[in-house]
C-alpha atoms as a PDB file:
ATOM      1  CA  UNK A   1      26.503  -5.234  -2.710  1.00  0.00           C
ATOM      2  CA  UNK A   2      27.600  -8.671  -1.674  1.00  0.00           C
ATOM      3  CA  UNK A   3      25.764 -11.147   0.485  1.00  0.00           C
ATOM      4  CA  UNK A   4      25.602 -14.839   1.215  1.00  0.00           C
ATOM      5  CA  UNK A   5      22.316 -16.648   0.676  1.00  0.00           C
ATOM      6  CA  UNK A   6      21.676 -19.801   2.414  1.00  0.00           C
ATOM      7  CA  UNK A   7      18.580 -21.693   1.222  1.00  0.00           C
ATOM      8  CA  UNK A   8      17.430 -25.265   0.216  1.00  0.00           C
ATOM      9  CA  UNK A   9      18.254 -26.075  -3.524  1.00  0.00           C
ATOM     10  CA  UNK A  10      15.452 -25.246  -5.917  1.00  0.00           C
ATOM     11  CA  UNK A  11      13.793 -22.861  -3.443  1.00  0.00           C
ATOM     12  CA  UNK A  12      13.708 -19.107  -4.225  1.00  0.00           C
ATOM     13  CA  UNK A  13      11.777 -15.930  -3.571  1.00  0.00           C
ATOM     14  CA  UNK A  14       9.431 -16.573  -6.457  1.00  0.00           C
ATOM     15  CA  UNK A  15       8.460 -20.106  -5.076  1.00  0.00           C
ATOM     16  CA  UNK A  16       8.036 -18.613  -1.617  1.00  0.00           C
ATOM     17  CA  UNK A  17       5.765 -15.924  -2.664  1.00  0.00           C
ATOM     18  CA  UNK A  18       3.625 -18.277  -4.692  1.00  0.00           C
ATOM     19  CA  UNK A  19       3.483 -20.743  -1.911  1.00  0.00           C
ATOM     20  CA  UNK A  20       2.320 -18.081   0.646  1.00  0.00           C
ATOM     21  CA  UNK A  21      -0.243 -16.657  -1.620  1.00  0.00           C
ATOM     22  CA  UNK A  22      -1.566 -20.156  -2.436  1.00  0.00           C
ATOM     23  CA  UNK A  23      -1.811 -21.050   1.164  1.00  0.00           C
ATOM     24  CA  UNK A  24      -3.601 -17.837   2.123  1.00  0.00           C
ATOM     25  CA  UNK A  25      -6.141 -18.641  -0.636  1.00  0.00           C
ATOM     26  CA  UNK A  26      -6.429 -22.253   0.516  1.00  0.00           C
ATOM     27  CA  UNK A  27      -7.082 -20.981   4.014  1.00  0.00           C
ATOM     28  CA  UNK A  28      -9.888 -18.916   2.813  1.00  0.00           C
ATOM     29  CA  UNK A  29      -7.977 -15.690   3.333  1.00  0.00           C
ATOM     30  CA  UNK A  30      -6.867 -14.553  -0.154  1.00  0.00           C
ATOM     31  CA  UNK A  31      -4.811 -11.481  -0.554  1.00  0.00           C
ATOM     32  CA  UNK A  32      -6.707  -8.234  -1.281  1.00  0.00           C
ATOM     33  CA  UNK A  33      -3.661  -6.337  -2.170  1.00  0.00           C
ATOM     34  CA  UNK A  34      -0.063  -7.190  -3.066  1.00  0.00           C
ATOM     35  CA  UNK A  35       2.828  -4.733  -3.117  1.00  0.00           C
ATOM     36  CA  UNK A  36       6.224  -6.395  -4.064  1.00  0.00           C
ATOM     37  CA  UNK A  37       9.321  -4.242  -3.958  1.00  0.00           C
ATOM     38  CA  UNK A  38      12.931  -5.359  -4.594  1.00  0.00           C
ATOM     39  CA  UNK A  39      16.228  -4.177  -5.753  1.00  0.00           C
ATOM     40  CA  UNK A  40      18.095  -7.271  -6.412  1.00  0.00           C
ATOM     41  CA  UNK A  41      18.392  -9.911  -9.337  1.00  0.00           C
ATOM     42  CA  UNK A  42      16.893 -12.451  -7.057  1.00  0.00           C
ATOM     43  CA  UNK A  43      13.672 -10.276  -6.584  1.00  0.00           C
ATOM     44  CA  UNK A  44      13.087 -10.674 -10.329  1.00  0.00           C
ATOM     45  CA  UNK A  45      11.874 -14.260  -9.434  1.00  0.00           C
ATOM     46  CA  UNK A  46       9.207 -12.619  -7.312  1.00  0.00           C
ATOM     47  CA  UNK A  47       8.040 -10.304 -10.029  1.00  0.00           C
ATOM     48  CA  UNK A  48       7.961 -13.080 -12.449  1.00  0.00           C
ATOM     49  CA  UNK A  49       5.935 -15.290 -10.191  1.00  0.00           C
ATOM     50  CA  UNK A  50       3.421 -12.571  -9.508  1.00  0.00           C
ATOM     51  CA  UNK A  51       3.167 -11.814 -13.187  1.00  0.00           C
ATOM     52  CA  UNK A  52       2.553 -15.647 -13.928  1.00  0.00           C
ATOM     53  CA  UNK A  53      -0.155 -15.842 -11.229  1.00  0.00           C
ATOM     54  CA  UNK A  54      -1.937 -12.725 -12.666  1.00  0.00           C
ATOM     55  CA  UNK A  55      -1.613 -14.090 -16.158  1.00  0.00           C
ATOM     56  CA  UNK A  56      -3.375 -17.423 -14.886  1.00  0.00           C
ATOM     57  CA  UNK A  57      -6.107 -15.537 -13.180  1.00  0.00           C
ATOM     58  CA  UNK A  58      -4.964 -16.616  -9.723  1.00  0.00           C
ATOM     59  CA  UNK A  59      -4.566 -12.923  -8.559  1.00  0.00           C
ATOM     60  CA  UNK A  60      -6.572  -9.787  -9.807  1.00  0.00           C
ATOM     61  CA  UNK A  61      -4.301  -7.528 -11.956  1.00  0.00           C
ATOM     62  CA  UNK A  62      -5.632  -4.409 -10.440  1.00  0.00           C
ATOM     63  CA  UNK A  63      -4.569  -5.585  -6.942  1.00  0.00           C
ATOM     64  CA  UNK A  64      -0.952  -6.617  -7.674  1.00  0.00           C
ATOM     65  CA  UNK A  65       1.849  -4.028  -7.939  1.00  0.00           C
ATOM     66  CA  UNK A  66       5.529  -4.750  -8.530  1.00  0.00           C
ATOM     67  CA  UNK A  67       8.176  -2.110  -8.209  1.00  0.00           C
ATOM     68  CA  UNK A  68      11.968  -2.305  -8.582  1.00  0.00           C
ATOM     69  CA  UNK A  69      14.456   0.072  -6.966  1.00  0.00           C
ATOM     70  CA  UNK A  70      16.515   1.914  -9.390  1.00  0.00           C
ATOM     71  CA  UNK A  71      16.209   2.376 -13.220  1.00  0.00           C
ATOM     72  CA  UNK A  72      17.161  -0.809 -14.828  1.00  0.00           C
ATOM     73  CA  UNK A  73      15.680  -3.684 -17.014  1.00  0.00           C
ATOM     74  CA  UNK A  74      13.185  -5.485 -14.754  1.00  0.00           C
ATOM     75  CA  UNK A  75      10.109  -7.505 -14.886  1.00  0.00           C
ATOM     76  CA  UNK A  76       8.531  -5.083 -12.320  1.00  0.00           C
ATOM     77  CA  UNK A  77       5.725  -2.974 -13.592  1.00  0.00           C
ATOM     78  CA  UNK A  78       6.983   0.234 -11.815  1.00  0.00           C
ATOM     79  CA  UNK A  79      10.188   1.633 -10.467  1.00  0.00           C
ATOM     80  CA  UNK A  80      11.447   4.264  -7.953  1.00  0.00           C
ATOM     81  CA  UNK A  81      14.901   5.877  -7.939  1.00  0.00           C
ATOM     82  CA  UNK A  82      16.297   4.878  -4.569  1.00  0.00           C
ATOM     83  CA  UNK A  83      15.380   3.449  -1.137  1.00  0.00           C
ATOM     84  CA  UNK A  84      14.195   7.035   0.106  1.00  0.00           C
ATOM     85  CA  UNK A  85      11.463   6.772  -2.528  1.00  0.00           C
ATOM     86  CA  UNK A  86      10.501   3.404  -1.148  1.00  0.00           C
ATOM     87  CA  UNK A  87      10.248   4.831   2.437  1.00  0.00           C
ATOM     88  CA  UNK A  88       8.071   7.688   1.175  1.00  0.00           C
ATOM     89  CA  UNK A  89       5.696   5.385  -0.664  1.00  0.00           C
ATOM     90  CA  UNK A  90       5.332   2.935   2.213  1.00  0.00           C
ATOM     91  CA  UNK A  91       4.741   5.864   4.599  1.00  0.00           C
ATOM     92  CA  UNK A  92       1.958   7.083   2.281  1.00  0.00           C
ATOM     93  CA  UNK A  93       0.393   3.748   2.072  1.00  0.00           C
ATOM     94  CA  UNK A  94       0.485   3.415   5.780  1.00  0.00           C
ATOM     95  CA  UNK A  95      -1.674   6.495   6.155  1.00  0.00           C
ATOM     96  CA  UNK A  96      -4.428   4.988   3.875  1.00  0.00           C
ATOM     97  CA  UNK A  97      -4.148   1.472   5.509  1.00  0.00           C
ATOM     98  CA  UNK A  98      -6.080   0.426   8.457  1.00  0.00           C
ATOM     99  CA  UNK A  99      -4.125   0.968  11.692  1.00  0.00           C
ATOM    100  CA  UNK A 100      -5.409  -2.229  13.184  1.00  0.00           C
ATOM    101  CA  UNK A 101      -4.555  -5.086  10.998  1.00  0.00           C
ATOM    102  CA  UNK A 102      -7.481  -7.076   9.630  1.00  0.00           C
ATOM    103  CA  UNK A 103      -7.882 -10.732   9.684  1.00  0.00           C
ATOM    104  CA  UNK A 104      -6.608 -10.951   6.169  1.00  0.00           C
ATOM    105  CA  UNK A 105      -3.208  -9.173   7.060  1.00  0.00           C
ATOM    106  CA  UNK A 106      -0.185 -11.130   5.984  1.00  0.00           C
ATOM    107  CA  UNK A 107       3.468 -10.405   5.352  1.00  0.00           C
ATOM    108  CA  UNK A 108       5.206 -11.415   2.236  1.00  0.00           C
ATOM    109  CA  UNK A 109       8.887 -11.730   1.453  1.00  0.00           C
ATOM    110  CA  UNK A 110      11.385  -8.859   2.089  1.00  0.00           C
ATOM    111  CA  UNK A 111      14.262  -7.856  -0.119  1.00  0.00           C
ATOM    112  CA  UNK A 112      17.895  -7.234   1.118  1.00  0.00           C
ATOM    113  CA  UNK A 113      18.288  -3.579   1.462  1.00  0.00           C
ATOM    114  CA  UNK A 114      14.726  -2.653   1.008  1.00  0.00           C
ATOM    115  CA  UNK A 115      11.707  -2.395   3.344  1.00  0.00           C
ATOM    116  CA  UNK A 116       9.496  -5.483   3.904  1.00  0.00           C
ATOM    117  CA  UNK A 117       6.830  -6.147   1.407  1.00  0.00           C
ATOM    118  CA  UNK A 118       3.372  -5.862   2.665  1.00  0.00           C
ATOM    119  CA  UNK A 119       0.132  -7.706   1.727  1.00  0.00           C
ATOM    120  CA  UNK A 120      -2.751  -6.183   3.634  1.00  0.00           C
ATOM    121  CA  UNK A 121      -6.498  -5.669   3.317  1.00  0.00           C
ATOM    122  CA  UNK A 122      -9.130  -3.505   4.772  1.00  0.00           C
ATOM    123  CA  UNK A 123     -10.129   0.253   4.622  1.00  0.00           C
ATOM    124  CA  UNK A 124      -9.085   2.932   7.017  1.00  0.00           C
ATOM    125  CA  UNK A 125     -11.715   3.744   9.612  1.00  0.00           C
ATOM    126  CA  UNK A 126     -12.732   7.295   8.940  1.00  0.00           C
ATOM    127  CA  UNK A 127     -14.910   9.222  11.277  1.00  0.00           C
ATOM    128  CA  UNK A 128     -16.905  12.324  10.141  1.00  0.00           C
ATOM    129  CA  UNK A 129     -18.588  14.841  12.474  1.00  0.00           C
ATOM    130  CA  UNK A 130     -22.269  15.381  12.669  1.00  0.00           C
ATOM    131  CA  UNK A 131     -23.487  18.919  13.414  1.00  0.00           C
ATOM    132  CA  UNK A 132     -24.923  18.852  16.984  1.00  0.00           C
ATOM    133  CA  UNK A 133     -28.439  20.204  17.682  1.00  0.00           C
ATOM    134  CA  UNK A 134     -28.482  23.595  19.220  1.00  0.00           C
ATOM    135  CA  UNK A 135     -29.801  23.777  22.660  1.00  0.00           C
ATOM    136  CA  UNK A 136     -32.120  26.760  22.779  1.00  0.00           C
ATOM    137  CA  UNK A 137     -32.932  26.460  26.544  1.00  0.00           C
ATOM    138  CA  UNK A 138     -29.679  28.257  27.449  1.00  0.00           C
ATOM    139  CA  UNK A 139     -27.803  25.165  28.431  1.00  0.00           C
ATOM    140  CA  UNK A 140     -24.513  24.014  26.958  1.00  0.00           C
ATOM    141  CA  UNK A 141     -24.435  22.689  23.503  1.00  0.00           C
ATOM    142  CA  UNK A 142     -24.161  18.893  23.435  1.00  0.00           C
ATOM    143  CA  UNK A 143     -20.766  17.619  22.183  1.00  0.00           C
ATOM    144  CA  UNK A 144     -20.410  16.489  18.670  1.00  0.00           C
ATOM    145  CA  UNK A 145     -21.705  13.052  17.825  1.00  0.00           C
ATOM    146  CA  UNK A 146     -19.252  11.086  15.813  1.00  0.00           C
ATOM    147  CA  UNK A 147     -20.197   7.981  13.822  1.00  0.00           C
ATOM    148  CA  UNK A 148     -18.261   5.584  11.633  1.00  0.00           C
ATOM    149  CA  UNK A 149     -18.893   5.621   7.950  1.00  0.00           C
ATOM    150  CA  UNK A 150     -20.243   2.434   6.435  1.00  0.00           C
ATOM    151  CA  UNK A 151     -17.618   0.122   4.995  1.00  0.00           C
ATOM    152  CA  UNK A 152     -18.625   0.838   1.394  1.00  0.00           C
ATOM    153  CA  UNK A 153     -17.928   4.489   1.972  1.00  0.00           C
ATOM    154  CA  UNK A 154     -14.538   3.622   3.502  1.00  0.00           C
ATOM    155  CA  UNK A 155     -13.720   1.280   0.775  1.00  0.00           C
ATOM    156  CA  UNK A 156     -14.583   3.746  -1.958  1.00  0.00           C
ATOM    157  CA  UNK A 157     -12.541   6.435  -0.276  1.00  0.00           C
ATOM    158  CA  UNK A 158      -9.549   4.129  -0.009  1.00  0.00           C
ATOM    159  CA  UNK A 159      -9.732   3.037  -3.571  1.00  0.00           C
ATOM    160  CA  UNK A 160      -9.888   6.574  -4.628  1.00  0.00           C
ATOM    161  CA  UNK A 161      -6.716   7.489  -2.869  1.00  0.00           C
ATOM    162  CA  UNK A 162      -4.982   4.343  -4.146  1.00  0.00           C
ATOM    163  CA  UNK A 163      -6.109   5.219  -7.820  1.00  0.00           C
ATOM    164  CA  UNK A 164      -4.570   8.704  -7.348  1.00  0.00           C
ATOM    165  CA  UNK A 165      -1.304   7.184  -6.135  1.00  0.00           C
ATOM    166  CA  UNK A 166      -1.150   4.612  -8.900  1.00  0.00           C
ATOM    167  CA  UNK A 167      -1.894   7.209 -11.553  1.00  0.00           C
ATOM    168  CA  UNK A 168       0.885   9.475 -10.131  1.00  0.00           C
ATOM    169  CA  UNK A 169       3.326   6.422 -10.198  1.00  0.00           C
ATOM    170  CA  UNK A 170       2.456   5.583 -13.688  1.00  0.00           C
ATOM    171  CA  UNK A 171       2.865   9.359 -14.797  1.00  0.00           C
ATOM    172  CA  UNK A 172       6.198   9.490 -12.929  1.00  0.00           C
ATOM    173  CA  UNK A 173       7.521   6.368 -14.742  1.00  0.00           C
ATOM    174  CA  UNK A 174       7.210   8.216 -18.082  1.00  0.00           C
ATOM    175  CA  UNK A 175       8.897  11.465 -16.797  1.00  0.00           C
ATOM    176  CA  UNK A 176      12.641  11.748 -17.711  1.00  0.00           C
ATOM    177  CA  UNK A 177      13.503  14.822 -15.799  1.00  0.00           C
ATOM    178  CA  UNK A 178      14.743  13.788 -12.271  1.00  0.00           C
ATOM    179  CA  UNK A 179      13.705  17.063 -10.799  1.00  0.00           C
ATOM    180  CA  UNK A 180      10.032  16.472 -11.942  1.00  0.00           C
ATOM    181  CA  UNK A 181      10.226  12.973 -10.636  1.00  0.00           C
ATOM    182  CA  UNK A 182      11.102  14.235  -7.130  1.00  0.00           C
ATOM    183  CA  UNK A 183       8.319  16.743  -7.396  1.00  0.00           C
ATOM    184  CA  UNK A 184       5.854  13.889  -8.106  1.00  0.00           C
ATOM    185  CA  UNK A 185       7.119  11.936  -5.164  1.00  0.00           C
ATOM    186  CA  UNK A 186       6.651  14.919  -2.899  1.00  0.00           C
ATOM    187  CA  UNK A 187       3.124  15.166  -4.315  1.00  0.00           C
ATOM    188  CA  UNK A 188       2.530  11.571  -3.198  1.00  0.00           C
ATOM    189  CA  UNK A 189       3.972  12.423   0.265  1.00  0.00           C
ATOM    190  CA  UNK A 190       1.739  15.536   0.456  1.00  0.00           C
ATOM    191  CA  UNK A 191      -1.373  13.430  -0.068  1.00  0.00           C
ATOM    192  CA  UNK A 192      -0.363  11.313   2.767  1.00  0.00           C
ATOM    193  CA  UNK A 193       0.155  14.259   4.998  1.00  0.00           C
ATOM    194  CA  UNK A 194      -3.162  15.658   4.035  1.00  0.00           C
ATOM    195  CA  UNK A 195      -4.787  12.380   4.784  1.00  0.00           C
ATOM    196  CA  UNK A 196      -3.072  12.292   8.178  1.00  0.00           C
ATOM    197  CA  UNK A 197      -4.305  15.736   9.079  1.00  0.00           C
ATOM    198  CA  UNK A 198      -7.867  14.786   8.212  1.00  0.00           C
ATOM    199  CA  UNK A 199      -7.755  11.733  10.425  1.00  0.00           C
ATOM    200  CA  UNK A 200      -6.351  13.977  13.257  1.00  0.00           C
ATOM    201  CA  UNK A 201      -9.070  16.503  12.893  1.00  0.00           C
ATOM    202  CA  UNK A 202     -11.732  13.666  12.922  1.00  0.00           C
ATOM    203  CA  UNK A 203     -10.588  12.347  16.356  1.00  0.00           C
ATOM    204  CA  UNK A 204     -12.708  13.502  19.217  1.00  0.00           C
ATOM    205  CA  UNK A 205     -11.182  16.221  21.364  1.00  0.00           C
ATOM    206  CA  UNK A 206     -10.858  15.613  25.062  1.00  0.00           C
END
């Protein structure tokens, strides 16, 4: 693909990412999670910058994920085959992310031809149903009472789902058979669908 890039001399995606993350930290809103996806040579500057920040201890290694689109030499830690896999991955992450952005939500740099790169925090708000008390007086049963789980339970649930997704992606990166790679990506999408169904069932009925 061909494109024209207009920018100040000496300013690239790597420096922009570093500047944004440094400013967030200086403002007291450090990034809780960084997902950086790109398919271009210029995107390697972002991957290199994030790797340098992790090495310097400025970012936690287990909260930074870099991914290139297409199988090619790259400084990114992971890869996906094409943009359809990027869309599937982002849709799955959307399911486990909070619907309402938290105060720490920020956007990072996007890449030509790919989806925007997100940096967000917070856990999904999950509601579970409490069994109602039976009314032995012959009256109608009271409606189910719904309560919000505490933030630690939400955080653990989110981290559990993220750990499964990362494990699948790591396993997928070592699989050579294209058919098996597609199956693993469908497994990731299935996890997202199952999570969506659970959220729908948790909503109070009218």
